[in-house]
Amino acid sequence: MEKRFKKHEFVVYGKNGVCEIEDIKIMNFAGQRDEYYILRPKSSRASTVYVPVNKDTLVDKMRFLITKKQADDFLVSVSGETLGWIDDKGVRIEEFNYTVSSGDIKAILLIKNCMRKKRAEKAIYHKRKD
């Protein structure tokens, strides 16, 4: 089976963020023998994430890091765009978490813009109260 990723490459994996593929090896979990990508999140070097090489739904969540130019292009593409604020905190958290897990960079940047706009509105409101 052709592997999409190689040992020591860096990927983004869902909410785990940037991870290094520390190894790719056959392991036994719950009596099942499979080949796994072994990911080490950069934000938590004590954590380990095991992704079965043959489970496309999980491997599809692994994405290569984008280049600076790609990042700049995404930032330009969402400049001035924002999402509507979701007042219900539970629903907002659920929606934002779903979007972050999807890995959709443009949608994640729209969340960032939305949160930045809300923070600015709160700052203006508090200034007026003073």
C-alpha atoms as a PDB file:
ATOM      1  CA  MET A   1       0.000   0.000   0.000  1.00  0.00           C
ATOM      2  CA  GLU A   2       1.326   3.425  -1.018  1.00  0.00           C
ATOM      3  CA  LYS A   3       1.654   5.743   1.964  1.00  0.00           C
ATOM      4  CA  ARG A   4       0.722   9.399   1.555  1.00  0.00           C
ATOM      5  CA  PHE A   5       3.131  10.615   4.219  1.00  0.00           C
ATOM      6  CA  LYS A   6       6.700   9.838   5.223  1.00  0.00           C
ATOM      7  CA  LYS A   7       8.552   9.564   8.498  1.00  0.00           C
ATOM      8  CA  HIS A   8       9.734  12.956   9.872  1.00  0.00           C
ATOM      9  CA  GLU A   9       7.297  14.976   7.758  1.00  0.00           C
ATOM     10  CA  PHE A  10       5.172  17.569   9.528  1.00  0.00           C
ATOM     11  CA  VAL A  11       1.395  17.535   9.186  1.00  0.00           C
ATOM     12  CA  VAL A  12      -1.613  19.222  10.710  1.00  0.00           C
ATOM     13  CA  TYR A  13      -3.925  16.685  12.341  1.00  0.00           C
ATOM     14  CA  GLY A  14      -7.317  17.991  13.454  1.00  0.00           C
ATOM     15  CA  LYS A  15      -7.327  19.683  16.852  1.00  0.00           C
ATOM     16  CA  ASN A  16      -3.892  18.213  17.629  1.00  0.00           C
ATOM     17  CA  GLY A  17      -2.394  20.886  15.397  1.00  0.00           C
ATOM     18  CA  VAL A  18       1.090  20.511  13.959  1.00  0.00           C
ATOM     19  CA  CYS A  19       2.523  17.027  14.443  1.00  0.00           C
ATOM     20  CA  GLU A  20       5.700  15.292  13.363  1.00  0.00           C
ATOM     21  CA  ILE A  21       5.332  11.822  11.896  1.00  0.00           C
ATOM     22  CA  GLU A  22       7.720  10.198  14.322  1.00  0.00           C
ATOM     23  CA  ASP A  23       7.415   6.719  12.875  1.00  0.00           C
ATOM     24  CA  ILE A  24       5.352   4.436  10.649  1.00  0.00           C
ATOM     25  CA  LYS A  25       5.161   0.884  11.919  1.00  0.00           C
ATOM     26  CA  ILE A  26       3.004  -2.180  12.398  1.00  0.00           C
ATOM     27  CA  MET A  27       1.408  -2.349  15.832  1.00  0.00           C
ATOM     28  CA  ASN A  28      -1.186  -4.415  17.684  1.00  0.00           C
ATOM     29  CA  PHE A  29      -4.175  -2.636  19.211  1.00  0.00           C
ATOM     30  CA  ALA A  30      -7.075  -4.640  20.662  1.00  0.00           C
ATOM     31  CA  GLY A  31      -5.849  -7.773  18.906  1.00  0.00           C
ATOM     32  CA  GLN A  32      -5.789  -5.990  15.539  1.00  0.00           C
ATOM     33  CA  ARG A  33      -2.474  -5.854  13.677  1.00  0.00           C
ATOM     34  CA  ASP A  34      -2.215  -2.759  11.449  1.00  0.00           C
ATOM     35  CA  GLU A  35       0.298  -0.222  10.197  1.00  0.00           C
ATOM     36  CA  TYR A  36       0.126   3.181  11.928  1.00  0.00           C
ATOM     37  CA  TYR A  37       1.409   6.690  11.486  1.00  0.00           C
ATOM     38  CA  ILE A  38       2.765   7.658  14.892  1.00  0.00           C
ATOM     39  CA  LEU A  39       2.288  11.395  15.343  1.00  0.00           C
ATOM     40  CA  ARG A  40       3.924  13.581  17.979  1.00  0.00           C
ATOM     41  CA  PRO A  41       2.046  16.880  18.465  1.00  0.00           C
ATOM     42  CA  LYS A  42       4.421  19.856  18.676  1.00  0.00           C
ATOM     43  CA  SER A  43       2.201  21.483  21.306  1.00  0.00           C
ATOM     44  CA  SER A  44       2.359  18.465  23.610  1.00  0.00           C
ATOM     45  CA  ARG A  45       5.511  16.405  23.154  1.00  0.00           C
ATOM     46  CA  ALA A  46       4.271  13.974  25.834  1.00  0.00           C
ATOM     47  CA  SER A  47       1.251  13.044  23.678  1.00  0.00           C
ATOM     48  CA  THR A  48       1.199  10.470  20.913  1.00  0.00           C
ATOM     49  CA  VAL A  49      -1.455  10.026  18.226  1.00  0.00           C
ATOM     50  CA  TYR A  50      -1.814   6.737  16.346  1.00  0.00           C
ATOM     51  CA  VAL A  51      -3.432   6.913  12.895  1.00  0.00           C
ATOM     52  CA  PRO A  52      -4.064   3.647  11.015  1.00  0.00           C
ATOM     53  CA  VAL A  53      -2.494   3.924   7.543  1.00  0.00           C
ATOM     54  CA  ASN A  54      -5.415   2.015   5.977  1.00  0.00           C
ATOM     55  CA  LYS A  55      -8.231   4.143   7.505  1.00  0.00           C
ATOM     56  CA  ASP A  56      -8.833   6.825   4.876  1.00  0.00           C
ATOM     57  CA  THR A  57     -11.329   8.724   7.060  1.00  0.00           C
ATOM     58  CA  LEU A  58      -8.589   9.277   9.665  1.00  0.00           C
ATOM     59  CA  VAL A  59      -5.681   9.728   7.249  1.00  0.00           C
ATOM     60  CA  ASP A  60      -7.751  12.332   5.362  1.00  0.00           C
ATOM     61  CA  LYS A  61      -7.566  14.493   8.499  1.00  0.00           C
ATOM     62  CA  MET A  62      -3.781  14.671   8.094  1.00  0.00           C
ATOM     63  CA  ARG A  63      -2.765  17.648   5.987  1.00  0.00           C
ATOM     64  CA  PHE A  64       0.618  18.930   4.919  1.00  0.00           C
ATOM     65  CA  LEU A  65       1.631  22.300   6.331  1.00  0.00           C
ATOM     66  CA  ILE A  66       0.942  25.202   4.013  1.00  0.00           C
ATOM     67  CA  THR A  67       3.649  27.514   2.720  1.00  0.00           C
ATOM     68  CA  LYS A  68       3.969  31.166   3.705  1.00  0.00           C
ATOM     69  CA  LYS A  69       2.692  32.172   0.258  1.00  0.00           C
ATOM     70  CA  GLN A  70      -0.357  29.920   0.638  1.00  0.00           C
ATOM     71  CA  ALA A  71      -1.006  31.409   4.070  1.00  0.00           C
ATOM     72  CA  ASP A  72      -0.704  34.941   2.674  1.00  0.00           C
ATOM     73  CA  ASP A  73      -3.083  34.035  -0.175  1.00  0.00           C
ATOM     74  CA  PHE A  74      -5.639  32.664   2.295  1.00  0.00           C
ATOM     75  CA  LEU A  75      -5.366  35.806   4.439  1.00  0.00           C
ATOM     76  CA  VAL A  76      -5.963  38.007   1.388  1.00  0.00           C
ATOM     77  CA  SER A  77      -8.911  35.846   0.292  1.00  0.00           C
ATOM     78  CA  VAL A  78     -10.759  36.363   3.618  1.00  0.00           C
ATOM     79  CA  SER A  79      -9.769  39.995   4.140  1.00  0.00           C
ATOM     80  CA  GLY A  80     -12.852  41.870   5.306  1.00  0.00           C
ATOM     81  CA  GLU A  81     -14.988  38.712   5.459  1.00  0.00           C
ATOM     82  CA  THR A  82     -16.397  37.440   8.722  1.00  0.00           C
ATOM     83  CA  LEU A  83     -19.014  35.074  10.066  1.00  0.00           C
ATOM     84  CA  GLY A  84     -22.085  36.051  12.001  1.00  0.00           C
ATOM     85  CA  TRP A  85     -21.624  35.751  15.756  1.00  0.00           C
ATOM     86  CA  ILE A  86     -23.453  32.828  17.408  1.00  0.00           C
ATOM     87  CA  ASP A  87     -24.848  34.079  20.723  1.00  0.00           C
ATOM     88  CA  ASP A  88     -25.414  30.620  22.236  1.00  0.00           C
ATOM     89  CA  LYS A  89     -21.964  29.795  23.641  1.00  0.00           C
ATOM     90  CA  GLY A  90     -22.484  26.010  23.501  1.00  0.00           C
ATOM     91  CA  VAL A  91     -23.596  26.088  19.866  1.00  0.00           C
ATOM     92  CA  ARG A  92     -20.772  28.517  18.991  1.00  0.00           C
ATOM     93  CA  ILE A  93     -18.135  26.253  20.570  1.00  0.00           C
ATOM     94  CA  GLU A  94     -19.577  23.198  18.804  1.00  0.00           C
ATOM     95  CA  GLU A  95     -19.609  24.978  15.424  1.00  0.00           C
ATOM     96  CA  PHE A  96     -16.117  26.405  15.864  1.00  0.00           C
ATOM     97  CA  ASN A  97     -14.711  23.020  16.987  1.00  0.00           C
ATOM     98  CA  TYR A  98     -16.316  21.286  14.008  1.00  0.00           C
ATOM     99  CA  THR A  99     -14.803  23.853  11.648  1.00  0.00           C
ATOM    100  CA  VAL A 100     -11.334  23.601  13.190  1.00  0.00           C
ATOM    101  CA  SER A 101     -11.509  19.790  13.007  1.00  0.00           C
ATOM    102  CA  SER A 102     -12.427  19.986   9.329  1.00  0.00           C
ATOM    103  CA  GLY A 103      -9.087  21.595   8.503  1.00  0.00           C
ATOM    104  CA  ASP A 104     -10.776  24.093   6.160  1.00  0.00           C
ATOM    105  CA  ILE A 105      -8.214  26.900   6.360  1.00  0.00           C
ATOM    106  CA  LYS A 106     -10.460  29.584   4.888  1.00  0.00           C
ATOM    107  CA  ALA A 107     -13.277  28.724   7.331  1.00  0.00           C
ATOM    108  CA  ILE A 108     -10.816  28.749  10.253  1.00  0.00           C
ATOM    109  CA  LEU A 109      -9.596  32.194   9.218  1.00  0.00           C
ATOM    110  CA  LEU A 110     -13.214  33.383   9.046  1.00  0.00           C
ATOM    111  CA  ILE A 111     -13.655  32.215  12.658  1.00  0.00           C
ATOM    112  CA  LYS A 112     -10.516  34.161  13.573  1.00  0.00           C
ATOM    113  CA  ASN A 113     -11.934  37.286  11.894  1.00  0.00           C
ATOM    114  CA  CYS A 114     -15.261  36.779  13.655  1.00  0.00           C
ATOM    115  CA  MET A 115     -13.591  36.502  17.071  1.00  0.00           C
ATOM    116  CA  ARG A 116     -11.369  39.513  16.379  1.00  0.00           C
ATOM    117  CA  LYS A 117     -14.425  41.573  15.401  1.00  0.00           C
ATOM    118  CA  LYS A 118     -16.287  40.501  18.570  1.00  0.00           C
ATOM    119  CA  ARG A 119     -13.281  41.412  20.754  1.00  0.00           C
ATOM    120  CA  ALA A 120     -13.078  44.844  19.104  1.00  0.00           C
ATOM    121  CA  GLU A 121     -16.810  45.412  19.679  1.00  0.00           C
ATOM    122  CA  LYS A 122     -16.427  44.491  23.357  1.00  0.00           C
ATOM    123  CA  ALA A 123     -13.431  46.831  23.731  1.00  0.00           C
ATOM    124  CA  ILE A 124     -15.402  49.735  22.222  1.00  0.00           C
ATOM    125  CA  TYR A 125     -18.388  48.957  24.483  1.00  0.00           C
ATOM    126  CA  HIS A 126     -16.202  48.917  27.614  1.00  0.00           C
ATOM    127  CA  LYS A 127     -14.476  52.163  26.565  1.00  0.00           C
ATOM    128  CA  ARG A 128     -17.830  53.896  26.241  1.00  0.00           C
ATOM    129  CA  LYS A 129     -18.846  52.715  29.719  1.00  0.00           C
ATOM    130  CA  ASP A 130     -15.706  54.286  31.250  1.00  0.00           C
END
